PDB file of N, CA and C in Angstrom:
ATOM      1  N   MET A   1     126.179 122.018  48.568  1.00  0.00           N
ATOM      2  CA  MET A   1     127.550 121.793  48.909  1.00  0.00           C
ATOM      3  C   MET A   1     128.209 120.985  47.795  1.00  0.00           C
ATOM      4  N   GLN A   2     129.429 121.354  47.478  1.00  0.00           N
ATOM      5  CA  GLN A   2     130.178 120.717  46.392  1.00  0.00           C
ATOM      6  C   GLN A   2     131.410 120.034  46.963  1.00  0.00           C
ATOM      7  N   LEU A   3     131.526 118.722  46.736  1.00  0.00           N
ATOM      8  CA  LEU A   3     132.724 117.973  47.072  1.00  0.00           C
ATOM      9  C   LEU A   3     133.438 117.622  45.782  1.00  0.00           C
ATOM     10  N   ILE A   4     134.764 117.661  45.834  1.00  0.00           N
ATOM     11  CA  ILE A   4     135.580 117.366  44.659  1.00  0.00           C
ATOM     12  C   ILE A   4     136.522 116.232  45.025  1.00  0.00           C
ATOM     13  N   LEU A   5     136.501 115.168  44.234  1.00  0.00           N
ATOM     14  CA  LEU A   5     137.382 114.032  44.457  1.00  0.00           C
ATOM     15  C   LEU A   5     138.408 113.996  43.336  1.00  0.00           C
ATOM     16  N   TYR A   6     139.669 114.187  43.694  1.00  0.00           N
ATOM     17  CA  TYR A   6     140.759 114.070  42.735  1.00  0.00           C
ATOM     18  C   TYR A   6     141.157 112.601  42.694  1.00  0.00           C
ATOM     19  N   SER A   7     141.152 112.043  41.492  1.00  0.00           N
ATOM     20  CA  SER A   7     141.288 110.611  41.305  1.00  0.00           C
ATOM     21  C   SER A   7     142.009 110.344  39.992  1.00  0.00           C
ATOM     22  N   LYS A   8     142.224 109.062  39.704  1.00  0.00           N
ATOM     23  CA  LYS A   8     142.707 108.676  38.373  1.00  0.00           C
ATOM     24  C   LYS A   8     142.210 107.278  38.070  1.00  0.00           C
ATOM     25  N   PRO A   9     142.093 106.954  36.804  1.00  0.00           N
ATOM     26  CA  PRO A   9     141.616 105.629  36.425  1.00  0.00           C
ATOM     27  C   PRO A   9     142.513 104.534  37.004  1.00  0.00           C
ATOM     28  N   GLY A  10     141.878 103.469  37.491  1.00  0.00           N
ATOM     29  CA  GLY A  10     142.623 102.340  38.010  1.00  0.00           C
ATOM     30  C   GLY A  10     143.058 102.471  39.457  1.00  0.00           C
ATOM     31  N   CYS A  11     142.731 103.563  40.110  1.00  0.00           N
ATOM     32  CA  CYS A  11     143.092 103.765  41.519  1.00  0.00           C
ATOM     33  C   CYS A  11     142.001 103.124  42.383  1.00  0.00           C
ATOM     34  N   HIS A  12     142.340 102.012  43.016  1.00  0.00           N
ATOM     35  CA  HIS A  12     141.341 101.279  43.796  1.00  0.00           C
ATOM     36  C   HIS A  12     140.910 102.052  45.043  1.00  0.00           C
ATOM     37  N   LEU A  13     141.830 102.803  45.653  1.00  0.00           N
ATOM     38  CA  LEU A  13     141.457 103.628  46.807  1.00  0.00           C
ATOM     39  C   LEU A  13     140.483 104.720  46.388  1.00  0.00           C
ATOM     40  N   CYS A  14     140.727 105.306  45.230  1.00  0.00           N
ATOM     41  CA  CYS A  14     139.839 106.354  44.708  1.00  0.00           C
ATOM     42  C   CYS A  14     138.454 105.786  44.420  1.00  0.00           C
ATOM     43  N   GLU A  15     138.422 104.641  43.764  1.00  0.00           N
ATOM     44  CA  GLU A  15     137.146 104.006  43.425  1.00  0.00           C
ATOM     45  C   GLU A  15     136.366 103.631  44.678  1.00  0.00           C
ATOM     46  N   GLY A  16     137.078 103.151  45.708  1.00  0.00           N
ATOM     47  CA  GLY A  16     136.424 102.796  46.955  1.00  0.00           C
ATOM     48  C   GLY A  16     135.814 103.993  47.651  1.00  0.00           C
ATOM     49  N   LEU A  17     136.559 105.098  47.700  1.00  0.00           N
ATOM     50  CA  LEU A  17     136.042 106.310  48.327  1.00  0.00           C
ATOM     51  C   LEU A  17     134.864 106.865  47.537  1.00  0.00           C
ATOM     52  N   GLU A  18     134.972 106.886  46.226  1.00  0.00           N
ATOM     53  CA  GLU A  18     133.873 107.366  45.390  1.00  0.00           C
ATOM     54  C   GLU A  18     132.604 106.550  45.628  1.00  0.00           C
ATOM     55  N   GLU A  19     132.748 105.240  45.679  1.00  0.00           N
ATOM     56  CA  GLU A  19     131.601 104.361  45.902  1.00  0.00           C
ATOM     57  C   GLU A  19     130.945 104.649  47.259  1.00  0.00           C
ATOM     58  N   LYS A  20     131.764 104.814  48.274  1.00  0.00           N
ATOM     59  CA  LYS A  20     131.221 105.111  49.612  1.00  0.00           C
ATOM     60  C   LYS A  20     130.545 106.477  49.650  1.00  0.00           C
ATOM     61  N   LEU A  21     131.150 107.467  49.018  1.00  0.00           N
ATOM     62  CA  LEU A  21     130.548 108.805  48.991  1.00  0.00           C
ATOM     63  C   LEU A  21     129.173 108.767  48.328  1.00  0.00           C
ATOM     64  N   LYS A  22     129.053 107.995  47.276  1.00  0.00           N
ATOM     65  CA  LYS A  22     127.778 107.906  46.557  1.00  0.00           C
ATOM     66  C   LYS A  22     126.703 107.178  47.371  1.00  0.00           C
ATOM     67  N   GLN A  23     127.123 106.413  48.384  1.00  0.00           N
ATOM     68  CA  GLN A  23     126.168 105.693  49.220  1.00  0.00           C
ATOM     69  C   GLN A  23     125.684 106.507  50.419  1.00  0.00           C
ATOM     70  N   ILE A  24     126.315 107.642  50.679  1.00  0.00           N
ATOM     71  CA  ILE A  24     125.910 108.465  51.820  1.00  0.00           C
ATOM     72  C   ILE A  24     124.588 109.143  51.500  1.00  0.00           C
ATOM     73  N   ASN A  25     123.582 108.902  52.319  1.00  0.00           N
ATOM     74  CA  ASN A  25     122.279 109.527  52.079  1.00  0.00           C
ATOM     75  C   ASN A  25     121.873 110.453  53.226  1.00  0.00           C
ATOM     76  N   THR A  26     122.785 110.684  54.171  1.00  0.00           N
ATOM     77  CA  THR A  26     122.484 111.564  55.301  1.00  0.00           C
ATOM     78  C   THR A  26     122.922 113.003  55.047  1.00  0.00           C
ATOM     79  N   LEU A  27     123.684 113.227  54.000  1.00  0.00           N
ATOM     80  CA  LEU A  27     124.165 114.566  53.640  1.00  0.00           C
ATOM     81  C   LEU A  27     123.800 114.866  52.199  1.00  0.00           C
ATOM     82  N   LYS A  28     123.532 116.123  51.928  1.00  0.00           N
ATOM     83  CA  LYS A  28     123.268 116.556  50.554  1.00  0.00           C
ATOM     84  C   LYS A  28     124.531 117.232  50.021  1.00  0.00           C
ATOM     85  N   PHE A  29     125.059 116.693  48.945  1.00  0.00           N
ATOM     86  CA  PHE A  29     126.225 117.304  48.307  1.00  0.00           C
ATOM     87  C   PHE A  29     126.295 116.855  46.862  1.00  0.00           C
ATOM     88  N   ASP A  30     126.947 117.676  46.062  1.00  0.00           N
ATOM     89  CA  ASP A  30     127.255 117.315  44.687  1.00  0.00           C
ATOM     90  C   ASP A  30     128.692 116.819  44.684  1.00  0.00           C
ATOM     91  N   LEU A  31     128.941 115.713  44.020  1.00  0.00           N
ATOM     92  CA  LEU A  31     130.270 115.136  43.949  1.00  0.00           C
ATOM     93  C   LEU A  31     130.808 115.287  42.535  1.00  0.00           C
ATOM     94  N   GLU A  32     131.918 115.974  42.428  1.00  0.00           N
ATOM     95  CA  GLU A  32     132.601 116.133  41.145  1.00  0.00           C
ATOM     96  C   GLU A  32     133.868 115.286  41.186  1.00  0.00           C
ATOM     97  N   ILE A  33     134.038 114.439  40.200  1.00  0.00           N
ATOM     98  CA  ILE A  33     135.238 113.602  40.100  1.00  0.00           C
ATOM     99  C   ILE A  33     136.181 114.267  39.104  1.00  0.00           C
ATOM    100  N   ARG A  34     137.401 114.528  39.542  1.00  0.00           N
ATOM    101  CA  ARG A  34     138.400 115.139  38.662  1.00  0.00           C
ATOM    102  C   ARG A  34     139.525 114.144  38.416  1.00  0.00           C
ATOM    103  N   ASP A  35     139.688 113.764  37.181  1.00  0.00           N
ATOM    104  CA  ASP A  35     140.739 112.842  36.764  1.00  0.00           C
ATOM    105  C   ASP A  35     142.042 113.624  36.646  1.00  0.00           C
ATOM    106  N   ILE A  36     143.002 113.307  37.524  1.00  0.00           N
ATOM    107  CA  ILE A  36     144.239 114.083  37.545  1.00  0.00           C
ATOM    108  C   ILE A  36     145.084 113.889  36.297  1.00  0.00           C
ATOM    109  N   THR A  37     144.780 112.851  35.516  1.00  0.00           N
ATOM    110  CA  THR A  37     145.566 112.623  34.303  1.00  0.00           C
ATOM    111  C   THR A  37     145.144 113.545  33.163  1.00  0.00           C
ATOM    112  N   THR A  38     144.079 114.330  33.380  1.00  0.00           N
ATOM    113  CA  THR A  38     143.597 115.212  32.313  1.00  0.00           C
ATOM    114  C   THR A  38     144.196 116.618  32.380  1.00  0.00           C
ATOM    115  N   ARG A  39     144.873 116.922  33.495  1.00  0.00           N
ATOM    116  CA  ARG A  39     145.486 118.253  33.625  1.00  0.00           C
ATOM    117  C   ARG A  39     146.830 118.122  34.333  1.00  0.00           C
ATOM    118  N   GLU A  40     147.821 118.741  33.763  1.00  0.00           N
ATOM    119  CA  GLU A  40     149.172 118.650  34.313  1.00  0.00           C
ATOM    120  C   GLU A  40     149.263 119.228  35.726  1.00  0.00           C
ATOM    121  N   ASP A  41     148.562 120.339  35.998  1.00  0.00           N
ATOM    122  CA  ASP A  41     148.633 120.943  37.331  1.00  0.00           C
ATOM    123  C   ASP A  41     148.026 120.019  38.387  1.00  0.00           C
ATOM    124  N   TRP A  42     146.908 119.353  38.063  1.00  0.00           N
ATOM    125  CA  TRP A  42     146.306 118.402  39.004  1.00  0.00           C
ATOM    126  C   TRP A  42     147.238 117.211  39.210  1.00  0.00           C
ATOM    127  N   PHE A  43     147.803 116.717  38.127  1.00  0.00           N
ATOM    128  CA  PHE A  43     148.690 115.560  38.218  1.00  0.00           C
ATOM    129  C   PHE A  43     149.897 115.876  39.093  1.00  0.00           C
ATOM    130  N   ASN A  44     150.525 117.021  38.851  1.00  0.00           N
ATOM    131  CA  ASN A  44     151.699 117.401  39.638  1.00  0.00           C
ATOM    132  C   ASN A  44     151.355 117.597  41.115  1.00  0.00           C
ATOM    133  N   ALA A  45     150.178 118.107  41.385  1.00  0.00           N
ATOM    134  CA  ALA A  45     149.774 118.372  42.770  1.00  0.00           C
ATOM    135  C   ALA A  45     149.372 117.108  43.520  1.00  0.00           C
ATOM    136  N   TYR A  46     148.745 116.153  42.843  1.00  0.00           N
ATOM    137  CA  TYR A  46     148.114 115.033  43.542  1.00  0.00           C
ATOM    138  C   TYR A  46     148.605 113.642  43.163  1.00  0.00           C
ATOM    139  N   GLN A  47     149.598 113.523  42.303  1.00  0.00           N
ATOM    140  CA  GLN A  47     149.984 112.203  41.807  1.00  0.00           C
ATOM    141  C   GLN A  47     150.363 111.215  42.909  1.00  0.00           C
ATOM    142  N   TYR A  48     150.884 111.693  44.027  1.00  0.00           N
ATOM    143  CA  TYR A  48     151.275 110.802  45.121  1.00  0.00           C
ATOM    144  C   TYR A  48     150.299 110.842  46.294  1.00  0.00           C
ATOM    145  N   GLU A  49     149.213 111.585  46.161  1.00  0.00           N
ATOM    146  CA  GLU A  49     148.295 111.809  47.275  1.00  0.00           C
ATOM    147  C   GLU A  49     146.906 111.219  47.083  1.00  0.00           C
ATOM    148  N   ILE A  50     146.528 110.849  45.870  1.00  0.00           N
ATOM    149  CA  ILE A  50     145.144 110.439  45.614  1.00  0.00           C
ATOM    150  C   ILE A  50     144.769 109.226  46.438  1.00  0.00           C
ATOM    151  N   PRO A  51     143.519 109.129  46.820  1.00  0.00           N
ATOM    152  CA  PRO A  51     142.440 110.071  46.545  1.00  0.00           C
ATOM    153  C   PRO A  51     142.524 111.304  47.441  1.00  0.00           C
ATOM    154  N   VAL A  52     142.196 112.444  46.865  1.00  0.00           N
ATOM    155  CA  VAL A  52     142.139 113.705  47.607  1.00  0.00           C
ATOM    156  C   VAL A  52     140.712 114.219  47.511  1.00  0.00           C
ATOM    157  N   LEU A  53     140.131 114.473  48.668  1.00  0.00           N
ATOM    158  CA  LEU A  53     138.759 114.983  48.739  1.00  0.00           C
ATOM    159  C   LEU A  53     138.824 116.430  49.196  1.00  0.00           C
ATOM    160  N   ARG A  54     138.150 117.306  48.459  1.00  0.00           N
ATOM    161  CA  ARG A  54     138.146 118.727  48.784  1.00  0.00           C
ATOM    162  C   ARG A  54     136.714 119.233  48.787  1.00  0.00           C
ATOM    163  N   ILE A  55     136.504 120.313  49.517  1.00  0.00           N
ATOM    164  CA  ILE A  55     135.195 120.963  49.554  1.00  0.00           C
ATOM    165  C   ILE A  55     135.333 122.332  48.913  1.00  0.00           C
ATOM    166  N   GLN A  56     134.337 122.714  48.137  1.00  0.00           N
ATOM    167  CA  GLN A  56     134.328 124.030  47.495  1.00  0.00           C
ATOM    168  C   GLN A  56     133.671 125.007  48.448  1.00  0.00           C
ATOM    169  N   LEU A  57     134.432 125.985  48.892  1.00  0.00           N
ATOM    170  CA  LEU A  57     133.952 127.045  49.772  1.00  0.00           C
ATOM    171  C   LEU A  57     133.975 128.365  49.016  1.00  0.00           C
ATOM    172  N   PRO A  58     133.270 129.392  49.515  1.00  0.00           N
ATOM    173  CA  PRO A  58     133.294 130.680  48.819  1.00  0.00           C
ATOM    174  C   PRO A  58     134.712 131.226  48.608  1.00  0.00           C
ATOM    175  N   GLN A  59     135.604 130.942  49.545  1.00  0.00           N
ATOM    176  CA  GLN A  59     136.975 131.448  49.418  1.00  0.00           C
ATOM    177  C   GLN A  59     137.892 130.496  48.638  1.00  0.00           C
ATOM    178  N   GLY A  60     137.340 129.403  48.147  1.00  0.00           N
ATOM    179  CA  GLY A  60     138.123 128.458  47.352  1.00  0.00           C
ATOM    180  C   GLY A  60     138.007 127.046  47.890  1.00  0.00           C
ATOM    181  N   GLU A  61     138.791 126.149  47.327  1.00  0.00           N
ATOM    182  CA  GLU A  61     138.761 124.755  47.749  1.00  0.00           C
ATOM    183  C   GLU A  61     139.569 124.548  49.024  1.00  0.00           C
ATOM    184  N   LYS A  62     139.092 123.604  49.843  1.00  0.00           N
ATOM    185  CA  LYS A  62     139.793 123.244  51.073  1.00  0.00           C
ATOM    186  C   LYS A  62     139.868 121.724  51.137  1.00  0.00           C
ATOM    187  N   THR A  63     141.059 121.197  51.436  1.00  0.00           N
ATOM    188  CA  THR A  63     141.254 119.760  51.505  1.00  0.00           C
ATOM    189  C   THR A  63     140.654 119.196  52.786  1.00  0.00           C
ATOM    190  N   ILE A  64     139.961 118.091  52.640  1.00  0.00           N
ATOM    191  CA  ILE A  64     139.408 117.355  53.775  1.00  0.00           C
ATOM    192  C   ILE A  64     140.430 116.284  54.133  1.00  0.00           C
ATOM    193  N   PRO A  65     140.751 116.145  55.424  1.00  0.00           N
ATOM    194  CA  PRO A  65     141.736 115.120  55.805  1.00  0.00           C
ATOM    195  C   PRO A  65     141.335 113.732  55.292  1.00  0.00           C
ATOM    196  N   ARG A  66     142.326 112.939  54.971  1.00  0.00           N
ATOM    197  CA  ARG A  66     142.110 111.612  54.391  1.00  0.00           C
ATOM    198  C   ARG A  66     141.440 110.675  55.391  1.00  0.00           C
ATOM    199  N   PHE A  67     140.497 109.915  54.885  1.00  0.00           N
ATOM    200  CA  PHE A  67     139.810 108.910  55.684  1.00  0.00           C
ATOM    201  C   PHE A  67     140.441 107.549  55.416  1.00  0.00           C
ATOM    202  N   SER A  68     140.355 106.652  56.393  1.00  0.00           N
ATOM    203  CA  SER A  68     140.859 105.297  56.222  1.00  0.00           C
ATOM    204  C   SER A  68     140.083 104.611  55.106  1.00  0.00           C
ATOM    205  N   PRO A  69     140.754 103.837  54.268  1.00  0.00           N
ATOM    206  CA  PRO A  69     140.039 103.096  53.226  1.00  0.00           C
ATOM    207  C   PRO A  69     139.087 102.057  53.809  1.00  0.00           C
ATOM    208  N   ARG A  70     139.255 101.718  55.080  1.00  0.00           N
ATOM    209  CA  ARG A  70     138.401 100.721  55.732  1.00  0.00           C
ATOM    210  C   ARG A  70     137.180 101.335  56.417  1.00  0.00           C
ATOM    211  N   ILE A  71     137.044 102.647  56.354  1.00  0.00           N
ATOM    212  CA  ILE A  71     135.932 103.319  57.029  1.00  0.00           C
ATOM    213  C   ILE A  71     134.602 102.857  56.429  1.00  0.00           C
ATOM    214  N   SER A  72     133.613 102.691  57.298  1.00  0.00           N
ATOM    215  CA  SER A  72     132.282 102.297  56.810  1.00  0.00           C
ATOM    216  C   SER A  72     131.584 103.508  56.200  1.00  0.00           C
ATOM    217  N   VAL A  73     130.565 103.253  55.423  1.00  0.00           N
ATOM    218  CA  VAL A  73     129.793 104.333  54.800  1.00  0.00           C
ATOM    219  C   VAL A  73     129.170 105.218  55.883  1.00  0.00           C
ATOM    220  N   ASP A  74     128.591 104.592  56.911  1.00  0.00           N
ATOM    221  CA  ASP A  74     127.971 105.369  57.988  1.00  0.00           C
ATOM    222  C   ASP A  74     128.987 106.242  58.704  1.00  0.00           C
ATOM    223  N   ARG A  75     130.128 105.665  59.023  1.00  0.00           N
ATOM    224  CA  ARG A  75     131.172 106.426  59.730  1.00  0.00           C
ATOM    225  C   ARG A  75     131.729 107.534  58.833  1.00  0.00           C
ATOM    226  N   LEU A  76     131.879 107.264  57.563  1.00  0.00           N
ATOM    227  CA  LEU A  76     132.341 108.281  56.624  1.00  0.00           C
ATOM    228  C   LEU A  76     131.368 109.455  56.608  1.00  0.00           C
ATOM    229  N   GLY A  77     130.075 109.152  56.571  1.00  0.00           N
ATOM    230  CA  GLY A  77     129.069 110.211  56.595  1.00  0.00           C
ATOM    231  C   GLY A  77     129.148 111.039  57.858  1.00  0.00           C
ATOM    232  N   GLN A  78     129.334 110.380  59.002  1.00  0.00           N
ATOM    233  CA  GLN A  78     129.448 111.090  60.285  1.00  0.00           C
ATOM    234  C   GLN A  78     130.683 111.982  60.315  1.00  0.00           C
ATOM    235  N   GLN A  79     131.810 111.436  59.886  1.00  0.00           N
ATOM    236  CA  GLN A  79     133.049 112.208  59.895  1.00  0.00           C
ATOM    237  C   GLN A  79     132.990 113.370  58.907  1.00  0.00           C
ATOM    238  N   LEU A  80     132.417 113.125  57.765  1.00  0.00           N
ATOM    239  CA  LEU A  80     132.287 114.171  56.754  1.00  0.00           C
ATOM    240  C   LEU A  80     131.383 115.289  57.252  1.00  0.00           C
ATOM    241  N   GLU A  81     130.277 114.928  57.882  1.00  0.00           N
ATOM    242  CA  GLU A  81     129.361 115.920  58.435  1.00  0.00           C
ATOM    243  C   GLU A  81     130.060 116.762  59.504  1.00  0.00           C
ATOM    244  N   LYS A  82     130.823 116.119  60.365  1.00  0.00           N
ATOM    245  CA  LYS A  82     131.563 116.825  61.409  1.00  0.00           C
ATOM    246  C   LYS A  82     132.565 117.810  60.796  1.00  0.00           C
ATOM    247  N   TYR A  83     133.281 117.340  59.780  1.00  0.00           N
ATOM    248  CA  TYR A  83     134.268 118.198  59.135  1.00  0.00           C
ATOM    249  C   TYR A  83     133.603 119.372  58.411  1.00  0.00           C
ATOM    250  N   LEU A  84     132.478 119.121  57.760  1.00  0.00           N
ATOM    251  CA  LEU A  84     131.789 120.188  57.030  1.00  0.00           C
ATOM    252  C   LEU A  84     131.286 121.261  57.982  1.00  0.00           C
ATOM    253  N   LYS A  85     130.828 120.856  59.159  1.00  0.00           N
ATOM    254  CA  LYS A  85     130.388 121.837  60.151  1.00  0.00           C
ATOM    255  C   LYS A  85     131.556 122.679  60.629  1.00  0.00           C
ATOM    256  N   LEU A  86     132.698 122.042  60.850  1.00  0.00           N
ATOM    257  CA  LEU A  86     133.885 122.775  61.282  1.00  0.00           C
ATOM    258  C   LEU A  86     134.345 123.778  60.227  1.00  0.00           C
ATOM    259  N   SER A  87     134.212 123.421  58.960  1.00  0.00           N
ATOM    260  CA  SER A  87     134.671 124.313  57.894  1.00  0.00           C
ATOM    261  C   SER A  87     133.769 125.526  57.736  1.00  0.00           C
ATOM    262  N   LYS A  88     132.548 125.442  58.272  1.00  0.00           N
ATOM    263  CA  LYS A  88     131.621 126.578  58.191  1.00  0.00           C
ATOM    264  C   LYS A  88     131.832 127.564  59.338  1.00  0.00           C
ATOM    265  N   ASP A  89     132.412 127.087  60.438  1.00  0.00           N
ATOM    266  CA  ASP A  89     132.637 127.959  61.596  1.00  0.00           C
ATOM    267  C   ASP A  89     133.747 128.954  61.271  1.00  0.00           C
ATOM    268  N   PRO A  90     133.582 130.204  61.751  1.00  0.00           N
ATOM    269  CA  PRO A  90     134.618 131.213  61.482  1.00  0.00           C
ATOM    270  C   PRO A  90     135.903 130.937  62.208  1.00  0.00           C
TER     271      PRO A  90
END
């Protein structure tokens, strides 16, 4: 499973989410960090929304609803697992 985090340097919310994602050990996923300042299309799409977490599906990327910055690592893992299961259902 591939997760994509749209972020930018100096974004404390982005850094916090990235740190929590890296601490989740109950799910197997690859995390790709995309710096929105490196591409104009990413910047225009996400400049007011970061951090944006997306999952790579066969039909393309799908945005995962935003989690509270105060969410614990355990709760983030539970919510992420629940969302990933829902995205697999037809």
